[in-house]
């Protein structure tokens, strides 16, 4: 019975939930992309620094 009520309320607010989940998914993906690009930048900087100062 509780699941049916929950399902009904979920159907009523499906648009709202979809927008919220889409919003948080975008933030999450942006954070992941920023983390990946940041780690790649640090790796590139470290490797180039080692390459330049490896004489």
PDB file of N, CA and C in Angstrom:
ATOM      1  N   UNK A   1       0.833  -1.204   0.000  1.00  0.00           N
ATOM      2  CA  UNK A   1       0.000   0.000   0.000  1.00  0.00           C
ATOM      3  C   UNK A   1       0.869   1.255   0.000  1.00  0.00           C
ATOM      4  N   UNK A   2       1.897   1.255   0.835  1.00  0.00           N
ATOM      5  CA  UNK A   2       2.791   2.416   0.874  1.00  0.00           C
ATOM      6  C   UNK A   2       3.476   2.617  -0.475  1.00  0.00           C
ATOM      7  N   UNK A   3       3.873   1.515  -1.109  1.00  0.00           N
ATOM      8  CA  UNK A   3       4.557   1.629  -2.395  1.00  0.00           C
ATOM      9  C   UNK A   3       3.624   2.208  -3.451  1.00  0.00           C
ATOM     10  N   UNK A   4       2.336   1.846  -3.399  1.00  0.00           N
ATOM     11  CA  UNK A   4       1.369   2.380  -4.367  1.00  0.00           C
ATOM     12  C   UNK A   4       1.208   3.884  -4.161  1.00  0.00           C
ATOM     13  N   UNK A   5       1.118   4.309  -2.897  1.00  0.00           N
ATOM     14  CA  UNK A   5       0.994   5.742  -2.598  1.00  0.00           C
ATOM     15  C   UNK A   5       2.254   6.466  -3.063  1.00  0.00           C
ATOM     16  N   UNK A   6       3.414   5.877  -2.765  1.00  0.00           N
ATOM     17  CA  UNK A   6       4.681   6.478  -3.178  1.00  0.00           C
ATOM     18  C   UNK A   6       4.748   6.579  -4.699  1.00  0.00           C
ATOM     19  N   UNK A   7       4.298   5.511  -5.378  1.00  0.00           N
ATOM     20  CA  UNK A   7       4.309   5.509  -6.837  1.00  0.00           C
ATOM     21  C   UNK A   7       3.403   6.598  -7.380  1.00  0.00           C
ATOM     22  N   UNK A   8       2.224   6.783  -6.746  1.00  0.00           N
ATOM     23  CA  UNK A   8       1.303   7.823  -7.186  1.00  0.00           C
ATOM     24  C   UNK A   8       1.899   9.207  -7.018  1.00  0.00           C
ATOM     25  N   UNK A   9       2.491   9.453  -5.851  1.00  0.00           N
ATOM     26  CA  UNK A   9       3.096  10.767  -5.618  1.00  0.00           C
ATOM     27  C   UNK A   9       4.282  10.972  -6.552  1.00  0.00           C
ATOM     28  N   UNK A  10       4.993   9.881  -6.837  1.00  0.00           N
ATOM     29  CA  UNK A  10       6.130   9.982  -7.755  1.00  0.00           C
ATOM     30  C   UNK A  10       5.638  10.356  -9.153  1.00  0.00           C
ATOM     31  N   UNK A  11       4.513   9.755  -9.567  1.00  0.00           N
ATOM     32  CA  UNK A  11       3.955  10.097 -10.876  1.00  0.00           C
ATOM     33  C   UNK A  11       3.500  11.543 -10.918  1.00  0.00           C
ATOM     34  N   UNK A  12       2.940  12.036  -9.802  1.00  0.00           N
ATOM     35  CA  UNK A  12       2.481  13.422  -9.767  1.00  0.00           C
ATOM     36  C   UNK A  12       3.653  14.383  -9.909  1.00  0.00           C
ATOM     37  N   UNK A  13       4.777  14.047  -9.291  1.00  0.00           N
ATOM     38  CA  UNK A  13       5.925  14.957  -9.288  1.00  0.00           C
ATOM     39  C   UNK A  13       7.030  14.478 -10.228  1.00  0.00           C
ATOM     40  N   UNK A  14       6.659  13.728 -11.260  1.00  0.00           N
ATOM     41  CA  UNK A  14       7.680  13.139 -12.128  1.00  0.00           C
ATOM     42  C   UNK A  14       8.486  14.216 -12.846  1.00  0.00           C
ATOM     43  N   UNK A  15       7.812  15.260 -13.321  1.00  0.00           N
ATOM     44  CA  UNK A  15       8.526  16.333 -14.024  1.00  0.00           C
ATOM     45  C   UNK A  15       9.516  17.019 -13.099  1.00  0.00           C
ATOM     46  N   UNK A  16       9.062  17.305 -11.876  1.00  0.00           N
ATOM     47  CA  UNK A  16       9.923  17.970 -10.903  1.00  0.00           C
ATOM     48  C   UNK A  16      11.126  17.088 -10.582  1.00  0.00           C
ATOM     49  N   UNK A  17      10.862  15.797 -10.319  1.00  0.00           N
ATOM     50  CA  UNK A  17      11.947  14.876  -9.990  1.00  0.00           C
ATOM     51  C   UNK A  17      12.910  14.742 -11.159  1.00  0.00           C
ATOM     52  N   UNK A  18      12.352  14.696 -12.372  1.00  0.00           N
ATOM     53  CA  UNK A  18      13.211  14.556 -13.548  1.00  0.00           C
ATOM     54  C   UNK A  18      14.119  15.774 -13.684  1.00  0.00           C
ATOM     55  N   UNK A  19      13.559  16.958 -13.473  1.00  0.00           N
ATOM     56  CA  UNK A  19      14.363  18.176 -13.565  1.00  0.00           C
ATOM     57  C   UNK A  19      15.452  18.196 -12.505  1.00  0.00           C
ATOM     58  N   UNK A  20      15.085  17.813 -11.266  1.00  0.00           N
ATOM     59  CA  UNK A  20      16.067  17.817 -10.175  1.00  0.00           C
ATOM     60  C   UNK A  20      17.170  16.806 -10.456  1.00  0.00           C
ATOM     61  N   UNK A  21      16.785  15.591 -10.872  1.00  0.00           N
ATOM     62  CA  UNK A  21      17.790  14.557 -11.135  1.00  0.00           C
ATOM     63  C   UNK A  21      18.681  14.963 -12.304  1.00  0.00           C
ATOM     64  N   UNK A  22      18.087  15.582 -13.328  1.00  0.00           N
ATOM     65  CA  UNK A  22      18.864  16.048 -14.475  1.00  0.00           C
ATOM     66  C   UNK A  22      19.867  17.109 -14.040  1.00  0.00           C
ATOM     67  N   UNK A  23      19.404  18.027 -13.174  1.00  0.00           N
ATOM     68  CA  UNK A  23      20.257  19.100 -12.661  1.00  0.00           C
ATOM     69  C   UNK A  23      21.434  18.527 -11.881  1.00  0.00           C
ATOM     70  N   UNK A  24      21.141  17.586 -10.961  1.00  0.00           N
ATOM     71  CA  UNK A  24      22.214  17.016 -10.152  1.00  0.00           C
ATOM     72  C   UNK A  24      23.145  16.154 -10.998  1.00  0.00           C
ATOM     73  N   UNK A  25      22.583  15.476 -12.011  1.00  0.00           N
ATOM     74  CA  UNK A  25      23.428  14.680 -12.899  1.00  0.00           C
ATOM     75  C   UNK A  25      24.390  15.581 -13.657  1.00  0.00           C
ATOM     76  N   UNK A  26      23.902  16.736 -14.106  1.00  0.00           N
ATOM     77  CA  UNK A  26      24.772  17.684 -14.803  1.00  0.00           C
ATOM     78  C   UNK A  26      25.886  18.172 -13.891  1.00  0.00           C
ATOM     79  N   UNK A  27      25.545  18.521 -12.644  1.00  0.00           N
ATOM     80  CA  UNK A  27      26.562  18.986 -11.697  1.00  0.00           C
ATOM     81  C   UNK A  27      27.583  17.880 -11.455  1.00  0.00           C
ATOM     82  N   UNK A  28      27.082  16.645 -11.264  1.00  0.00           N
ATOM     83  CA  UNK A  28      27.957  15.504 -10.992  1.00  0.00           C
ATOM     84  C   UNK A  28      28.907  15.271 -12.162  1.00  0.00           C
ATOM     85  N   UNK A  29      28.369  15.286 -13.381  1.00  0.00           N
ATOM     86  CA  UNK A  29      29.200  15.072 -14.565  1.00  0.00           C
ATOM     87  C   UNK A  29      30.219  16.194 -14.727  1.00  0.00           C
ATOM     88  N   UNK A  30      29.796  17.434 -14.455  1.00  0.00           N
ATOM     89  CA  UNK A  30      30.730  18.555 -14.553  1.00  0.00           C
ATOM     90  C   UNK A  30      31.858  18.395 -13.550  1.00  0.00           C
ATOM     91  N   UNK A  31      31.514  17.983 -12.308  1.00  0.00           N
ATOM     92  CA  UNK A  31      32.543  17.779 -11.289  1.00  0.00           C
ATOM     93  C   UNK A  31      33.511  16.687 -11.715  1.00  0.00           C
ATOM     94  N   UNK A  32      32.981  15.590 -12.273  1.00  0.00           N
ATOM     95  CA  UNK A  32      33.845  14.497 -12.727  1.00  0.00           C
ATOM     96  C   UNK A  32      34.759  14.984 -13.843  1.00  0.00           C
ATOM     97  N   UNK A  33      34.192  15.716 -14.805  1.00  0.00           N
ATOM     98  CA  UNK A  33      35.001  16.223 -15.914  1.00  0.00           C
ATOM     99  C   UNK A  33      36.068  17.184 -15.415  1.00  0.00           C
ATOM    100  N   UNK A  34      35.703  18.045 -14.460  1.00  0.00           N
ATOM    101  CA  UNK A  34      36.678  18.988 -13.908  1.00  0.00           C
ATOM    102  C   UNK A  34      37.777  18.228 -13.179  1.00  0.00           C
ATOM    103  N   UNK A  35      37.388  17.195 -12.394  1.00  0.00           N
ATOM    104  CA  UNK A  35      38.387  16.404 -11.678  1.00  0.00           C
ATOM    105  C   UNK A  35      39.321  15.706 -12.656  1.00  0.00           C
ATOM    106  N   UNK A  36      38.747  15.100 -13.708  1.00  0.00           N
ATOM    107  CA  UNK A  36      39.565  14.381 -14.688  1.00  0.00           C
ATOM    108  C   UNK A  36      40.504  15.348 -15.397  1.00  0.00           C
ATOM    109  N   UNK A  37      39.973  16.481 -15.855  1.00  0.00           N
ATOM    110  CA  UNK A  37      40.812  17.444 -16.569  1.00  0.00           C
ATOM    111  C   UNK A  37      41.863  18.019 -15.635  1.00  0.00           C
ATOM    112  N   UNK A  38      41.487  18.255 -14.373  1.00  0.00           N
ATOM    113  CA  UNK A  38      42.451  18.780 -13.407  1.00  0.00           C
ATOM    114  C   UNK A  38      43.575  17.791 -13.152  1.00  0.00           C
ATOM    115  N   UNK A  39      43.228  16.508 -12.988  1.00  0.00           N
ATOM    116  CA  UNK A  39      44.261  15.506 -12.750  1.00  0.00           C
ATOM    117  C   UNK A  39      45.139  15.344 -13.983  1.00  0.00           C
ATOM    118  N   UNK A  40      44.530  15.405 -15.178  1.00  0.00           N
ATOM    119  CA  UNK A  40      45.322  15.337 -16.405  1.00  0.00           C
ATOM    120  C   UNK A  40      46.273  16.523 -16.500  1.00  0.00           C
ATOM    121  N   UNK A  41      45.799  17.713 -16.121  1.00  0.00           N
ATOM    122  CA  UNK A  41      46.656  18.895 -16.160  1.00  0.00           C
ATOM    123  C   UNK A  41      47.817  18.746 -15.192  1.00  0.00           C
ATOM    124  N   UNK A  42      47.544  18.269 -13.976  1.00  0.00           N
ATOM    125  CA  UNK A  42      48.620  18.099 -13.002  1.00  0.00           C
ATOM    126  C   UNK A  42      49.597  17.035 -13.484  1.00  0.00           C
ATOM    127  N   UNK A  43      49.079  15.959 -14.081  1.00  0.00           N
ATOM    128  CA  UNK A  43      49.966  14.924 -14.611  1.00  0.00           C
ATOM    129  C   UNK A  43      50.843  15.487 -15.720  1.00  0.00           C
ATOM    130  N   UNK A  44      50.246  16.257 -16.621  1.00  0.00           N
ATOM    131  CA  UNK A  44      51.022  16.852 -17.710  1.00  0.00           C
ATOM    132  C   UNK A  44      52.061  17.821 -17.166  1.00  0.00           C
ATOM    133  N   UNK A  45      51.666  18.635 -16.187  1.00  0.00           N
ATOM    134  CA  UNK A  45      52.605  19.594 -15.611  1.00  0.00           C
ATOM    135  C   UNK A  45      53.749  18.871 -14.911  1.00  0.00           C
ATOM    136  N   UNK A  46      53.424  17.827 -14.156  1.00  0.00           N
ATOM    137  CA  UNK A  46      54.466  17.078 -13.451  1.00  0.00           C
ATOM    138  C   UNK A  46      55.413  16.404 -14.437  1.00  0.00           C
ATOM    139  N   UNK A  47      54.838  15.771 -15.473  1.00  0.00           N
ATOM    140  CA  UNK A  47      55.685  15.066 -16.435  1.00  0.00           C
ATOM    141  C   UNK A  47      56.549  16.049 -17.215  1.00  0.00           C
ATOM    142  N   UNK A  48      55.986  17.194 -17.598  1.00  0.00           N
ATOM    143  CA  UNK A  48      56.776  18.186 -18.329  1.00  0.00           C
ATOM    144  C   UNK A  48      57.850  18.776 -17.420  1.00  0.00           C
ATOM    145  N   UNK A  49      57.522  18.968 -16.146  1.00  0.00           N
ATOM    146  CA  UNK A  49      58.504  19.492 -15.199  1.00  0.00           C
ATOM    147  C   UNK A  49      59.656  18.503 -15.033  1.00  0.00           C
ATOM    148  N   UNK A  50      59.305  17.212 -14.884  1.00  0.00           N
ATOM    149  CA  UNK A  50      60.347  16.186 -14.768  1.00  0.00           C
ATOM    150  C   UNK A  50      61.182  16.135 -16.041  1.00  0.00           C
ATOM    151  N   UNK A  51      60.513  16.246 -17.186  1.00  0.00           N
ATOM    152  CA  UNK A  51      61.217  16.185 -18.466  1.00  0.00           C
ATOM    153  C   UNK A  51      62.167  17.371 -18.606  1.00  0.00           C
ATOM    154  N   UNK A  52      61.728  18.549 -18.188  1.00  0.00           N
ATOM    155  CA  UNK A  52      62.558  19.746 -18.321  1.00  0.00           C
ATOM    156  C   UNK A  52      63.705  19.742 -17.320  1.00  0.00           C
ATOM    157  N   UNK A  53      63.474  19.221 -16.125  1.00  0.00           N
ATOM    158  CA  UNK A  53      64.483  19.273 -15.066  1.00  0.00           C
ATOM    159  C   UNK A  53      65.151  17.919 -14.859  1.00  0.00           C
ATOM    160  N   UNK A  54      65.221  17.135 -15.898  1.00  0.00           N
ATOM    161  CA  UNK A  54      65.806  15.800 -15.784  1.00  0.00           C
ATOM    162  C   UNK A  54      67.224  15.770 -16.333  1.00  0.00           C
ATOM    163  N   UNK A  55      67.778  16.924 -16.663  1.00  0.00           N
ATOM    164  CA  UNK A  55      69.109  16.981 -17.286  1.00  0.00           C
ATOM    165  C   UNK A  55      70.165  16.400 -16.365  1.00  0.00           C
TER     166      UNK A  55
END
